[in-house]
């Protein structure tokens, strides 16, 4: 469906039809909202970050205890496995090995990851010696030892999104494509909390709004006008942060059989989880993503649609170097450029300060505007796919709160 040049009123509107937007629209529709409208700027659902990732169901190992990423990933993992089983969505609880390739990683990093996982409620990890890895798990892996996560898996993300959309539509939601949002006004004058959205020369009014616009969510958040013109200077609410972008490149394995039975992850590196080996449900093996920061001075850092998604073949040398740290049997010429994705980040290594914190960890940023039934979701990178159903439940609960003060987490 596309918009016509008329006015509409709906009970709830969701901007963005990625996996989180679709899950949120489904959750809203299933609360009994008679009309839920999903506005998508692209020609179909899930064409952004949701379709350009590793399709991994994460266990919830790395995130600080109590953070939204930790809580929603662990809860979302269980919800997602149950949902996939119920809806017959292809998935596989394949498990993953986090491999230590030197003594420091083995003695310091692996115990720290295990400790953090336990604090997050992930208690099924197994410590593997070099002999365990070689004899029972991955004989071609070279490492000092590893941590095995049996609850990590993979999922058909397109089938998942298609099912979420079908659920939402079954309960009365409608998706509209080719509908970029141009303006949002959230007014509270005379006690009327109606929200006005301008999209493609069409005016839409709604009672509830969720901004799940992915890479564009920070722009939508700054676009929203309230009676106080966004956040007043005397408000206790922090300024809405901006997105920075990290391009992640993937290479596929060709001309050489994959030796792996599980996902293989190095110890996490700055900006991501390292160049890991994943398999899709068709048995294909790929490596990635790396972290290619888009410079804040680059014009594309302000317009993510302009970021080049072609994988640069010259980056293959760094991939060979990283993969051979744990799989020295990788042959020359076996890696071919596959695809790239963009991750919305709330920090950048070239930016000293930000509106949040100087910490290297940045949580999901989920904000309910003061005196308005509007929720913004920013920095929704990994583990967004895993946590999508839990995020949706969390957002709907925040939206449906009757209190008027701001609810910001992250």
Foldseek 3Di string as FASTA:
>chain_A
DADDQEEAEFAEEEEAQALLSLLLLLVVLVVVRQEYEYEAQAPDHHPAQNVFDQQKLDCQQPDAQPAPQLQLSNVLLVVVVVVCVVVVFDKDLQKEKAFALDDCCVPPVVVVSQVRSVSSVQDPKDKFAPVRCCPPFFVQWHGRTIIIRSSMMGGDSVVSSVVSNVSSVVSNYDYHYSWDWDAKEQECPPNDRWIWTDTPNYIYIHQAYEYPHFLCLLVHLQRYQYPCGRAHPPDPDFPRFHWWKWKWWKWWFPPDQDRHSHKYWYPQDQPGRFFIWHAHPVGTIMTMTDTHTDDPVDPCRVPVVPDDWWDDPVCVVVVLVRVCSTRVVRDPPRIDTDTMHMFTARDDPVDCDTSPDNDSDDGWKWKQGAQHLYIGTGRCHPPNSSSSNVVSVVSVVVSPDPDRGMDIHD
